[in-house]
């Protein structure tokens, strides 16, 4: 298979599209985010990257709290809207019905299947962005999105962001099991070489 060199920004990999919830100057604020990841097991932590010039970055630094809200595919337009307008120019406090868990400056979106309350534990200052690492204080999931007490991606129906094509994608079919599908190599049924 031939390879070619592309632009140094590897944006072709998808990220879960989410909505960052903050309190900006005392008001509820939301922003679409796609650059986030789980970064620690115990205590559980998430990391989210936000441009330094964004009002949500200012809000996280000011309060030390934020939420990650995972919308379903039914929420593509409203999710995108929260990323198109700045909290410094548009009041987004009434875009969603909100609720709160234990953190008073981490507004949670009732219509999102999954919500995570985070307390800021570290900020990594990068050239254009702040990478916020937050301890996951609580994870809220609607009962209708669970299967056997665990979140079910088929019921949640999250969507992904790809760049530079700037598209949203629905999650597709199940293609394997983590910490299980590779056991075929452990059993000697296949050799892990030459791929």
C-alpha atoms as a PDB file:
ATOM      1  CA  UNK A   1       0.000   0.000   0.000  1.00  0.00           C
ATOM      2  CA  UNK A   2       1.493   3.325  -1.061  1.00  0.00           C
ATOM      3  CA  UNK A   3       1.692   6.184   1.424  1.00  0.00           C
ATOM      4  CA  UNK A   4       1.769   9.913   0.873  1.00  0.00           C
ATOM      5  CA  UNK A   5       2.708  12.762   3.170  1.00  0.00           C
ATOM      6  CA  UNK A   6      -0.143  15.111   4.091  1.00  0.00           C
ATOM      7  CA  UNK A   7      -0.446  18.307   6.084  1.00  0.00           C
ATOM      8  CA  UNK A   8       1.118  17.905   9.553  1.00  0.00           C
ATOM      9  CA  UNK A   9      -2.271  18.403  11.247  1.00  0.00           C
ATOM     10  CA  UNK A  10      -3.737  14.921  11.496  1.00  0.00           C
ATOM     11  CA  UNK A  11      -7.380  15.864  11.532  1.00  0.00           C
ATOM     12  CA  UNK A  12      -8.680  12.828   9.679  1.00  0.00           C
ATOM     13  CA  UNK A  13      -9.267  10.802  12.845  1.00  0.00           C
ATOM     14  CA  UNK A  14     -12.747  11.209  14.373  1.00  0.00           C
ATOM     15  CA  UNK A  15     -13.471  12.582  17.835  1.00  0.00           C
ATOM     16  CA  UNK A  16     -16.660  12.285  19.854  1.00  0.00           C
ATOM     17  CA  UNK A  17     -18.591  15.516  19.439  1.00  0.00           C
ATOM     18  CA  UNK A  18     -19.571  16.921  22.826  1.00  0.00           C
ATOM     19  CA  UNK A  19     -20.794  20.118  24.416  1.00  0.00           C
ATOM     20  CA  UNK A  20     -18.692  21.841  27.079  1.00  0.00           C
ATOM     21  CA  UNK A  21     -20.759  23.396  29.846  1.00  0.00           C
ATOM     22  CA  UNK A  22     -19.416  26.288  31.938  1.00  0.00           C
ATOM     23  CA  UNK A  23     -20.429  29.341  33.893  1.00  0.00           C
ATOM     24  CA  UNK A  24     -19.228  32.462  32.108  1.00  0.00           C
ATOM     25  CA  UNK A  25     -19.381  35.568  34.275  1.00  0.00           C
ATOM     26  CA  UNK A  26     -22.120  33.967  36.345  1.00  0.00           C
ATOM     27  CA  UNK A  27     -24.206  32.741  33.382  1.00  0.00           C
ATOM     28  CA  UNK A  28     -24.634  29.276  31.941  1.00  0.00           C
ATOM     29  CA  UNK A  29     -22.619  28.860  28.742  1.00  0.00           C
ATOM     30  CA  UNK A  30     -22.144  26.038  26.245  1.00  0.00           C
ATOM     31  CA  UNK A  31     -19.686  25.345  23.448  1.00  0.00           C
ATOM     32  CA  UNK A  32     -19.317  22.480  20.968  1.00  0.00           C
ATOM     33  CA  UNK A  33     -16.039  20.596  21.488  1.00  0.00           C
ATOM     34  CA  UNK A  34     -14.516  17.655  19.720  1.00  0.00           C
ATOM     35  CA  UNK A  35     -10.995  17.513  21.133  1.00  0.00           C
ATOM     36  CA  UNK A  36     -11.421  15.483  24.300  1.00  0.00           C
ATOM     37  CA  UNK A  37     -10.180  12.228  25.745  1.00  0.00           C
ATOM     38  CA  UNK A  38     -10.080  10.101  28.878  1.00  0.00           C
ATOM     39  CA  UNK A  39      -6.647  10.668  30.487  1.00  0.00           C
ATOM     40  CA  UNK A  40      -6.578   8.779  33.807  1.00  0.00           C
ATOM     41  CA  UNK A  41      -8.199   5.717  35.358  1.00  0.00           C
ATOM     42  CA  UNK A  42      -8.103   6.315  39.122  1.00  0.00           C
ATOM     43  CA  UNK A  43      -9.172   8.927  39.879  1.00  0.00           C
ATOM     44  CA  UNK A  44     -11.078   9.091  36.599  1.00  0.00           C
ATOM     45  CA  UNK A  45     -10.061  12.145  34.558  1.00  0.00           C
ATOM     46  CA  UNK A  46     -10.922  13.675  31.196  1.00  0.00           C
ATOM     47  CA  UNK A  47      -8.989  16.156  29.133  1.00  0.00           C
ATOM     48  CA  UNK A  48     -10.514  18.751  26.815  1.00  0.00           C
ATOM     49  CA  UNK A  49      -8.711  21.207  24.569  1.00  0.00           C
ATOM     50  CA  UNK A  50     -10.141  24.730  24.194  1.00  0.00           C
ATOM     51  CA  UNK A  51      -8.714  27.679  22.262  1.00  0.00           C
ATOM     52  CA  UNK A  52      -7.273  30.282  24.649  1.00  0.00           C
ATOM     53  CA  UNK A  53      -9.238  33.070  22.954  1.00  0.00           C
ATOM     54  CA  UNK A  54     -12.538  31.318  23.532  1.00  0.00           C
ATOM     55  CA  UNK A  55     -14.841  32.529  26.282  1.00  0.00           C
ATOM     56  CA  UNK A  56     -15.265  28.952  27.527  1.00  0.00           C
ATOM     57  CA  UNK A  57     -11.533  28.764  28.203  1.00  0.00           C
ATOM     58  CA  UNK A  58     -11.841  31.877  30.345  1.00  0.00           C
ATOM     59  CA  UNK A  59     -14.824  30.341  32.159  1.00  0.00           C
ATOM     60  CA  UNK A  60     -13.009  27.104  33.061  1.00  0.00           C
ATOM     61  CA  UNK A  61     -10.019  29.051  34.355  1.00  0.00           C
ATOM     62  CA  UNK A  62     -12.292  31.307  36.406  1.00  0.00           C
ATOM     63  CA  UNK A  63     -14.471  28.633  38.063  1.00  0.00           C
ATOM     64  CA  UNK A  64     -12.295  25.510  37.986  1.00  0.00           C
ATOM     65  CA  UNK A  65     -15.315  23.464  36.896  1.00  0.00           C
ATOM     66  CA  UNK A  66     -16.886  22.285  33.649  1.00  0.00           C
ATOM     67  CA  UNK A  67     -19.167  19.638  32.223  1.00  0.00           C
ATOM     68  CA  UNK A  68     -18.924  17.376  29.212  1.00  0.00           C
ATOM     69  CA  UNK A  69     -22.303  16.617  27.670  1.00  0.00           C
ATOM     70  CA  UNK A  70     -22.618  13.939  24.987  1.00  0.00           C
ATOM     71  CA  UNK A  71     -25.434  14.743  22.536  1.00  0.00           C
ATOM     72  CA  UNK A  72     -27.239  12.222  20.329  1.00  0.00           C
ATOM     73  CA  UNK A  73     -27.463  12.465  16.538  1.00  0.00           C
ATOM     74  CA  UNK A  74     -30.841  14.180  16.999  1.00  0.00           C
ATOM     75  CA  UNK A  75     -28.939  17.172  18.405  1.00  0.00           C
ATOM     76  CA  UNK A  76     -26.520  17.862  15.511  1.00  0.00           C
ATOM     77  CA  UNK A  77     -27.883  21.321  14.621  1.00  0.00           C
ATOM     78  CA  UNK A  78     -28.116  22.683  18.169  1.00  0.00           C
ATOM     79  CA  UNK A  79     -24.697  21.249  19.028  1.00  0.00           C
ATOM     80  CA  UNK A  80     -23.150  22.934  15.993  1.00  0.00           C
ATOM     81  CA  UNK A  81     -24.881  26.210  16.893  1.00  0.00           C
ATOM     82  CA  UNK A  82     -23.194  26.284  20.295  1.00  0.00           C
ATOM     83  CA  UNK A  83     -19.841  26.267  18.499  1.00  0.00           C
ATOM     84  CA  UNK A  84     -20.789  28.901  15.930  1.00  0.00           C
ATOM     85  CA  UNK A  85     -21.560  31.698  18.386  1.00  0.00           C
ATOM     86  CA  UNK A  86     -19.388  33.092  21.177  1.00  0.00           C
ATOM     87  CA  UNK A  87     -20.607  33.288  24.753  1.00  0.00           C
ATOM     88  CA  UNK A  88     -19.145  36.805  24.845  1.00  0.00           C
ATOM     89  CA  UNK A  89     -21.644  37.894  22.158  1.00  0.00           C
ATOM     90  CA  UNK A  90     -24.632  35.561  22.538  1.00  0.00           C
ATOM     91  CA  UNK A  91     -26.368  34.481  25.730  1.00  0.00           C
ATOM     92  CA  UNK A  92     -26.606  30.677  25.451  1.00  0.00           C
ATOM     93  CA  UNK A  93     -28.023  30.208  28.950  1.00  0.00           C
ATOM     94  CA  UNK A  94     -31.507  29.257  27.714  1.00  0.00           C
ATOM     95  CA  UNK A  95     -30.555  27.059  24.756  1.00  0.00           C
ATOM     96  CA  UNK A  96     -30.925  23.897  26.860  1.00  0.00           C
ATOM     97  CA  UNK A  97     -32.781  22.784  29.970  1.00  0.00           C
ATOM     98  CA  UNK A  98     -30.043  22.382  32.555  1.00  0.00           C
ATOM     99  CA  UNK A  99     -29.620  20.556  35.824  1.00  0.00           C
ATOM    100  CA  UNK A 100     -26.777  20.340  38.331  1.00  0.00           C
ATOM    101  CA  UNK A 101     -25.065  17.594  40.230  1.00  0.00           C
ATOM    102  CA  UNK A 102     -22.457  18.362  42.890  1.00  0.00           C
ATOM    103  CA  UNK A 103     -20.575  21.142  41.044  1.00  0.00           C
ATOM    104  CA  UNK A 104     -22.349  24.523  40.958  1.00  0.00           C
ATOM    105  CA  UNK A 105     -20.419  25.810  37.910  1.00  0.00           C
ATOM    106  CA  UNK A 106     -20.760  22.684  35.736  1.00  0.00           C
ATOM    107  CA  UNK A 107     -24.181  22.958  34.049  1.00  0.00           C
ATOM    108  CA  UNK A 108     -25.498  19.678  32.659  1.00  0.00           C
ATOM    109  CA  UNK A 109     -27.779  19.402  29.623  1.00  0.00           C
ATOM    110  CA  UNK A 110     -30.920  17.423  30.383  1.00  0.00           C
ATOM    111  CA  UNK A 111     -31.492  16.340  26.753  1.00  0.00           C
ATOM    112  CA  UNK A 112     -27.983  14.850  26.374  1.00  0.00           C
ATOM    113  CA  UNK A 113     -27.849  11.093  27.058  1.00  0.00           C
ATOM    114  CA  UNK A 114     -24.570  11.357  28.997  1.00  0.00           C
ATOM    115  CA  UNK A 115     -23.257  14.159  31.239  1.00  0.00           C
ATOM    116  CA  UNK A 116     -19.961  14.335  33.108  1.00  0.00           C
ATOM    117  CA  UNK A 117     -19.199  16.802  35.909  1.00  0.00           C
ATOM    118  CA  UNK A 118     -15.519  17.715  36.050  1.00  0.00           C
ATOM    119  CA  UNK A 119     -13.389  19.570  38.586  1.00  0.00           C
ATOM    120  CA  UNK A 120     -10.284  21.150  37.047  1.00  0.00           C
ATOM    121  CA  UNK A 121      -7.080  19.568  38.359  1.00  0.00           C
ATOM    122  CA  UNK A 122      -4.521  20.763  35.826  1.00  0.00           C
ATOM    123  CA  UNK A 123      -4.192  23.147  32.908  1.00  0.00           C
ATOM    124  CA  UNK A 124      -1.587  22.484  30.251  1.00  0.00           C
ATOM    125  CA  UNK A 125      -0.925  25.714  28.401  1.00  0.00           C
ATOM    126  CA  UNK A 126      -0.230  25.084  24.723  1.00  0.00           C
ATOM    127  CA  UNK A 127       0.624  27.658  22.025  1.00  0.00           C
ATOM    128  CA  UNK A 128      -2.991  28.271  20.929  1.00  0.00           C
ATOM    129  CA  UNK A 129      -5.073  26.164  23.310  1.00  0.00           C
ATOM    130  CA  UNK A 130      -5.485  25.241  26.948  1.00  0.00           C
ATOM    131  CA  UNK A 131      -5.708  21.530  27.669  1.00  0.00           C
ATOM    132  CA  UNK A 132      -7.920  21.212  30.732  1.00  0.00           C
ATOM    133  CA  UNK A 133      -7.669  18.026  32.762  1.00  0.00           C
ATOM    134  CA  UNK A 134     -10.638  17.500  35.013  1.00  0.00           C
ATOM    135  CA  UNK A 135     -11.458  14.878  37.593  1.00  0.00           C
ATOM    136  CA  UNK A 136     -14.755  13.219  36.715  1.00  0.00           C
ATOM    137  CA  UNK A 137     -16.816  13.920  39.839  1.00  0.00           C
ATOM    138  CA  UNK A 138     -20.060  12.335  38.584  1.00  0.00           C
ATOM    139  CA  UNK A 139     -21.297  10.713  35.392  1.00  0.00           C
ATOM    140  CA  UNK A 140     -25.027  11.009  34.725  1.00  0.00           C
ATOM    141  CA  UNK A 141     -26.747   8.711  32.197  1.00  0.00           C
ATOM    142  CA  UNK A 142     -30.442   8.466  31.403  1.00  0.00           C
ATOM    143  CA  UNK A 143     -31.789   5.032  32.360  1.00  0.00           C
ATOM    144  CA  UNK A 144     -33.141   4.553  28.835  1.00  0.00           C
ATOM    145  CA  UNK A 145     -29.545   4.694  27.530  1.00  0.00           C
ATOM    146  CA  UNK A 146     -28.311   1.818  29.684  1.00  0.00           C
ATOM    147  CA  UNK A 147     -28.068  -1.879  28.973  1.00  0.00           C
ATOM    148  CA  UNK A 148     -27.303  -4.065  31.975  1.00  0.00           C
ATOM    149  CA  UNK A 149     -26.396  -0.960  33.986  1.00  0.00           C
ATOM    150  CA  UNK A 150     -23.808   0.210  31.427  1.00  0.00           C
ATOM    151  CA  UNK A 151     -24.091   2.924  28.758  1.00  0.00           C
ATOM    152  CA  UNK A 152     -25.111   1.455  25.387  1.00  0.00           C
ATOM    153  CA  UNK A 153     -23.658   3.324  22.405  1.00  0.00           C
ATOM    154  CA  UNK A 154     -26.524   2.119  20.185  1.00  0.00           C
ATOM    155  CA  UNK A 155     -29.028   3.770  22.502  1.00  0.00           C
ATOM    156  CA  UNK A 156     -26.953   6.909  23.148  1.00  0.00           C
ATOM    157  CA  UNK A 157     -26.332   7.430  19.413  1.00  0.00           C
ATOM    158  CA  UNK A 158     -23.388   9.828  19.756  1.00  0.00           C
ATOM    159  CA  UNK A 159     -21.800  11.391  16.702  1.00  0.00           C
ATOM    160  CA  UNK A 160     -18.240  12.057  15.637  1.00  0.00           C
ATOM    161  CA  UNK A 161     -16.424  15.065  14.189  1.00  0.00           C
ATOM    162  CA  UNK A 162     -13.844  14.788  11.410  1.00  0.00           C
ATOM    163  CA  UNK A 163     -11.625  17.583  10.155  1.00  0.00           C
ATOM    164  CA  UNK A 164     -10.549  19.150   7.796  1.00  0.00           C
ATOM    165  CA  UNK A 165     -13.755  18.071   6.006  1.00  0.00           C
ATOM    166  CA  UNK A 166     -15.735  19.451   8.993  1.00  0.00           C
ATOM    167  CA  UNK A 167     -18.345  16.702   9.002  1.00  0.00           C
ATOM    168  CA  UNK A 168     -20.348  14.888  11.617  1.00  0.00           C
ATOM    169  CA  UNK A 169     -20.715  11.104  11.446  1.00  0.00           C
ATOM    170  CA  UNK A 170     -23.022   8.659  13.205  1.00  0.00           C
ATOM    171  CA  UNK A 171     -21.381   5.756  14.999  1.00  0.00           C
ATOM    172  CA  UNK A 172     -21.437   2.641  12.826  1.00  0.00           C
ATOM    173  CA  UNK A 173     -21.542  -1.073  13.392  1.00  0.00           C
ATOM    174  CA  UNK A 174     -19.707  -3.013  16.091  1.00  0.00           C
ATOM    175  CA  UNK A 175     -16.569  -4.528  14.528  1.00  0.00           C
ATOM    176  CA  UNK A 176     -14.959  -6.239  17.517  1.00  0.00           C
ATOM    177  CA  UNK A 177     -14.427  -6.362  21.244  1.00  0.00           C
ATOM    178  CA  UNK A 178     -11.636  -4.479  23.031  1.00  0.00           C
ATOM    179  CA  UNK A 179      -9.402  -6.739  25.121  1.00  0.00           C
ATOM    180  CA  UNK A 180     -10.920  -9.729  23.348  1.00  0.00           C
ATOM    181  CA  UNK A 181     -10.704  -9.672  19.547  1.00  0.00           C
ATOM    182  CA  UNK A 182      -6.897  -9.798  19.621  1.00  0.00           C
ATOM    183  CA  UNK A 183      -6.935 -13.014  21.647  1.00  0.00           C
ATOM    184  CA  UNK A 184      -6.894 -14.869  18.340  1.00  0.00           C
ATOM    185  CA  UNK A 185      -3.165 -14.094  18.230  1.00  0.00           C
ATOM    186  CA  UNK A 186      -2.643 -15.253  21.834  1.00  0.00           C
ATOM    187  CA  UNK A 187      -4.258 -18.588  21.033  1.00  0.00           C
ATOM    188  CA  UNK A 188      -1.966 -19.064  18.040  1.00  0.00           C
ATOM    189  CA  UNK A 189      -4.868 -19.121  15.578  1.00  0.00           C
ATOM    190  CA  UNK A 190      -3.243 -16.269  13.654  1.00  0.00           C
ATOM    191  CA  UNK A 191       0.212 -14.737  13.601  1.00  0.00           C
ATOM    192  CA  UNK A 192       0.488 -11.009  14.476  1.00  0.00           C
ATOM    193  CA  UNK A 193       2.847 -10.125  11.645  1.00  0.00           C
ATOM    194  CA  UNK A 194       2.800  -8.906   8.090  1.00  0.00           C
ATOM    195  CA  UNK A 195      -0.193  -6.620   8.373  1.00  0.00           C
END
